[in-house]
Amino acid sequence: MSAKLRRIRLTENPDGWWTAYDEEAEAVSQGPSREEALENLDEAVKLVEDEDYGREPTEEELRDWGIDLDEYGDGGDLPEVLK
């Protein structure tokens, strides 16, 4: 079994935090240490590579998040991210 090669850019920021960027997945994350930045990047890459990434949320998910669909009617007043 061969591992997939990935190019990761790791940058120490002036504030001491670290930024990690996966070029192939175009995912970015950060953390107070290199290790945490890379751990967070692993999570971000998993989200980006998930086939459900970027899909519209279901009505059940919106209700689970506390969004009352009846309050918004046709969605005209929904935040841009939920339209």
N, C-alpha and C. Protein backbone atom coordinates (compact mmCIF):
# COMPACT_ATOMS: atom_id res chain seq x y z
N MET A 1 0.85 -1.18 0.00
CA MET A 1 0.00 0.00 0.00
C MET A 1 0.89 1.23 0.00
N SER A 2 0.68 2.12 -0.96
CA SER A 2 1.51 3.32 -1.03
C SER A 2 0.72 4.53 -0.54
N ALA A 3 1.42 5.39 0.14
CA ALA A 3 0.80 6.61 0.66
C ALA A 3 0.79 7.67 -0.43
N LYS A 4 -0.23 8.49 -0.42
CA LYS A 4 -0.35 9.57 -1.38
C LYS A 4 0.56 10.72 -0.94
N LEU A 5 1.40 11.21 -1.85
CA LEU A 5 2.27 12.33 -1.53
C LEU A 5 1.48 13.63 -1.56
N ARG A 6 1.70 14.44 -0.56
CA ARG A 6 1.01 15.73 -0.47
C ARG A 6 2.05 16.80 -0.21
N ARG A 7 1.86 17.96 -0.80
CA ARG A 7 2.73 19.10 -0.54
C ARG A 7 2.02 20.01 0.45
N ILE A 8 2.66 20.18 1.62
CA ILE A 8 2.11 21.00 2.70
C ILE A 8 3.04 22.18 2.93
N ARG A 9 2.47 23.37 3.01
CA ARG A 9 3.25 24.56 3.35
C ARG A 9 2.94 24.91 4.80
N LEU A 10 3.98 25.04 5.60
CA LEU A 10 3.85 25.35 7.02
C LEU A 10 4.58 26.66 7.28
N THR A 11 3.87 27.65 7.82
CA THR A 11 4.42 28.98 8.01
C THR A 11 4.24 29.43 9.45
N GLU A 12 5.31 29.95 10.05
CA GLU A 12 5.19 30.55 11.38
C GLU A 12 4.84 32.03 11.19
N ASN A 13 3.74 32.44 11.79
CA ASN A 13 3.26 33.81 11.65
C ASN A 13 3.91 34.72 12.69
N PRO A 14 3.92 36.04 12.45
CA PRO A 14 4.53 36.98 13.40
C PRO A 14 3.96 36.89 14.81
N ASP A 15 2.70 36.47 14.93
CA ASP A 15 2.07 36.37 16.26
C ASP A 15 2.41 35.06 16.97
N GLY A 16 3.24 34.22 16.34
CA GLY A 16 3.64 32.96 16.96
C GLY A 16 2.79 31.77 16.57
N TRP A 17 1.64 32.01 15.95
CA TRP A 17 0.80 30.92 15.49
C TRP A 17 1.37 30.34 14.20
N TRP A 18 0.91 29.15 13.85
CA TRP A 18 1.36 28.48 12.65
C TRP A 18 0.20 28.30 11.68
N THR A 19 0.48 28.45 10.38
CA THR A 19 -0.50 28.22 9.33
C THR A 19 -0.03 27.04 8.49
N ALA A 20 -0.94 26.11 8.23
CA ALA A 20 -0.63 24.95 7.40
C ALA A 20 -1.56 24.97 6.19
N TYR A 21 -0.98 24.72 5.00
CA TYR A 21 -1.74 24.77 3.75
C TYR A 21 -1.45 23.53 2.93
N ASP A 22 -2.49 22.82 2.53
CA ASP A 22 -2.38 21.65 1.66
C ASP A 22 -2.69 22.12 0.24
N GLU A 23 -1.66 22.12 -0.63
CA GLU A 23 -1.82 22.67 -1.97
C GLU A 23 -2.82 21.89 -2.81
N GLU A 24 -2.80 20.58 -2.72
CA GLU A 24 -3.70 19.77 -3.56
C GLU A 24 -5.16 19.95 -3.16
N ALA A 25 -5.44 19.89 -1.88
CA ALA A 25 -6.82 20.03 -1.40
C ALA A 25 -7.26 21.48 -1.31
N GLU A 26 -6.30 22.41 -1.40
CA GLU A 26 -6.57 23.84 -1.22
C GLU A 26 -7.26 24.08 0.12
N ALA A 27 -6.74 23.41 1.14
CA ALA A 27 -7.27 23.54 2.49
C ALA A 27 -6.23 24.24 3.35
N VAL A 28 -6.69 25.07 4.26
CA VAL A 28 -5.79 25.81 5.14
C VAL A 28 -6.31 25.73 6.56
N SER A 29 -5.38 25.74 7.51
CA SER A 29 -5.75 25.74 8.92
C SER A 29 -4.63 26.40 9.70
N GLN A 30 -4.85 26.55 10.99
CA GLN A 30 -3.83 27.18 11.83
C GLN A 30 -3.88 26.59 13.23
N GLY A 31 -2.88 26.92 14.02
CA GLY A 31 -2.82 26.46 15.39
C GLY A 31 -1.69 27.15 16.12
N PRO A 32 -1.70 27.10 17.45
CA PRO A 32 -0.67 27.75 18.24
C PRO A 32 0.68 27.04 18.18
N SER A 33 0.69 25.82 17.64
CA SER A 33 1.95 25.09 17.45
C SER A 33 1.93 24.43 16.08
N ARG A 34 3.09 23.99 15.61
CA ARG A 34 3.14 23.30 14.32
C ARG A 34 2.27 22.05 14.36
N GLU A 35 2.38 21.32 15.46
CA GLU A 35 1.63 20.08 15.57
C GLU A 35 0.12 20.31 15.49
N GLU A 36 -0.35 21.33 16.20
CA GLU A 36 -1.79 21.61 16.19
C GLU A 36 -2.24 22.12 14.83
N ALA A 37 -1.41 22.94 14.18
CA ALA A 37 -1.76 23.42 12.84
C ALA A 37 -1.90 22.24 11.88
N LEU A 38 -0.99 21.27 11.98
CA LEU A 38 -1.06 20.10 11.10
C LEU A 38 -2.25 19.19 11.45
N GLU A 39 -2.54 19.04 12.73
CA GLU A 39 -3.71 18.25 13.13
C GLU A 39 -4.99 18.90 12.61
N ASN A 40 -5.07 20.23 12.74
CA ASN A 40 -6.24 20.95 12.25
C ASN A 40 -6.34 20.86 10.73
N LEU A 41 -5.19 20.87 10.06
CA LEU A 41 -5.18 20.74 8.60
C LEU A 41 -5.71 19.37 8.19
N ASP A 42 -5.33 18.33 8.91
CA ASP A 42 -5.85 16.99 8.62
C ASP A 42 -7.38 16.99 8.64
N GLU A 43 -7.96 17.64 9.63
CA GLU A 43 -9.43 17.72 9.72
C GLU A 43 -10.01 18.51 8.55
N ALA A 44 -9.35 19.63 8.20
CA ALA A 44 -9.84 20.45 7.09
C ALA A 44 -9.79 19.68 5.77
N VAL A 45 -8.72 18.94 5.55
CA VAL A 45 -8.59 18.15 4.31
C VAL A 45 -9.68 17.09 4.25
N LYS A 46 -9.96 16.44 5.36
CA LYS A 46 -11.03 15.44 5.38
C LYS A 46 -12.37 16.07 4.99
N LEU A 47 -12.63 17.27 5.49
CA LEU A 47 -13.87 17.95 5.16
C LEU A 47 -13.93 18.29 3.68
N VAL A 48 -12.84 18.82 3.14
CA VAL A 48 -12.80 19.22 1.74
C VAL A 48 -12.95 18.01 0.82
N GLU A 49 -12.34 16.90 1.20
CA GLU A 49 -12.39 15.71 0.35
C GLU A 49 -13.65 14.88 0.55
N ASP A 50 -14.47 15.24 1.53
CA ASP A 50 -15.74 14.56 1.76
C ASP A 50 -16.68 14.87 0.60
N GLU A 51 -17.32 13.85 0.06
CA GLU A 51 -18.19 14.07 -1.10
C GLU A 51 -19.40 14.94 -0.76
N ASP A 52 -19.73 15.10 0.51
CA ASP A 52 -20.84 15.97 0.90
C ASP A 52 -20.41 17.42 1.08
N TYR A 53 -19.10 17.71 0.97
CA TYR A 53 -18.59 19.06 1.19
C TYR A 53 -19.24 20.03 0.20
N GLY A 54 -19.74 21.12 0.72
CA GLY A 54 -20.31 22.16 -0.12
C GLY A 54 -21.76 21.93 -0.52
N ARG A 55 -22.34 20.84 -0.07
CA ARG A 55 -23.73 20.59 -0.43
C ARG A 55 -24.65 21.45 0.43
N GLU A 56 -25.85 21.63 -0.05
CA GLU A 56 -26.85 22.38 0.70
C GLU A 56 -27.29 21.55 1.91
N PRO A 57 -27.42 22.18 3.09
CA PRO A 57 -27.86 21.42 4.26
C PRO A 57 -29.30 20.95 4.10
N THR A 58 -29.60 19.80 4.69
CA THR A 58 -30.97 19.29 4.66
C THR A 58 -31.81 20.05 5.68
N GLU A 59 -33.13 19.94 5.53
CA GLU A 59 -34.02 20.58 6.50
C GLU A 59 -33.78 20.03 7.89
N GLU A 60 -33.53 18.73 7.99
CA GLU A 60 -33.27 18.11 9.30
C GLU A 60 -32.01 18.69 9.93
N GLU A 61 -30.96 18.88 9.14
CA GLU A 61 -29.72 19.46 9.68
C GLU A 61 -29.95 20.89 10.15
N LEU A 62 -30.69 21.67 9.38
CA LEU A 62 -30.99 23.05 9.78
C LEU A 62 -31.74 23.07 11.10
N ARG A 63 -32.70 22.20 11.24
CA ARG A 63 -33.46 22.13 12.50
C ARG A 63 -32.56 21.70 13.66
N ASP A 64 -31.66 20.74 13.40
CA ASP A 64 -30.71 20.30 14.43
C ASP A 64 -29.83 21.45 14.89
N TRP A 65 -29.54 22.38 13.99
CA TRP A 65 -28.68 23.53 14.32
C TRP A 65 -29.47 24.67 14.95
N GLY A 66 -30.78 24.46 15.16
CA GLY A 66 -31.59 25.47 15.82
C GLY A 66 -32.16 26.51 14.88
N ILE A 67 -32.18 26.24 13.59
CA ILE A 67 -32.73 27.18 12.61
C ILE A 67 -34.19 26.80 12.37
N ASP A 68 -35.09 27.73 12.68
CA ASP A 68 -36.52 27.50 12.51
C ASP A 68 -36.89 27.86 11.07
N LEU A 69 -37.12 26.84 10.25
CA LEU A 69 -37.42 27.07 8.84
C LEU A 69 -38.73 27.82 8.64
N ASP A 70 -39.69 27.61 9.53
CA ASP A 70 -40.97 28.31 9.41
C ASP A 70 -40.78 29.81 9.58
N GLU A 71 -39.80 30.21 10.36
CA GLU A 71 -39.53 31.63 10.59
C GLU A 71 -39.03 32.32 9.32
N TYR A 72 -38.35 31.55 8.45
CA TYR A 72 -37.73 32.15 7.27
C TYR A 72 -38.55 31.97 6.00
N GLY A 73 -39.62 31.22 6.06
CA GLY A 73 -40.49 31.07 4.89
C GLY A 73 -39.75 30.53 3.68
N ASP A 74 -39.68 31.36 2.63
CA ASP A 74 -39.05 30.92 1.37
C ASP A 74 -37.54 31.08 1.37
N GLY A 75 -36.96 31.51 2.47
CA GLY A 75 -35.50 31.65 2.53
C GLY A 75 -35.01 33.03 2.16
N GLY A 76 -35.92 33.95 1.90
CA GLY A 76 -35.51 35.28 1.50
C GLY A 76 -34.67 36.01 2.53
N ASP A 77 -34.88 35.72 3.81
CA ASP A 77 -34.12 36.41 4.85
C ASP A 77 -33.02 35.55 5.47
N LEU A 78 -32.73 34.40 4.85
CA LEU A 78 -31.66 33.55 5.37
C LEU A 78 -30.31 34.23 5.19
N PRO A 79 -29.38 33.95 6.08
CA PRO A 79 -28.03 34.45 5.87
C PRO A 79 -27.50 33.93 4.53
N GLU A 80 -26.64 34.69 3.88
CA GLU A 80 -26.12 34.34 2.55
C GLU A 80 -25.57 32.92 2.50
N VAL A 81 -24.89 32.50 3.56
CA VAL A 81 -24.27 31.18 3.57
C VAL A 81 -25.30 30.05 3.53
N LEU A 82 -26.54 30.32 3.93
CA LEU A 82 -27.58 29.30 3.94
C LEU A 82 -28.52 29.37 2.74
N LYS A 83 -28.30 30.32 1.83
CA LYS A 83 -29.16 30.44 0.65
C LYS A 83 -28.73 29.47 -0.42
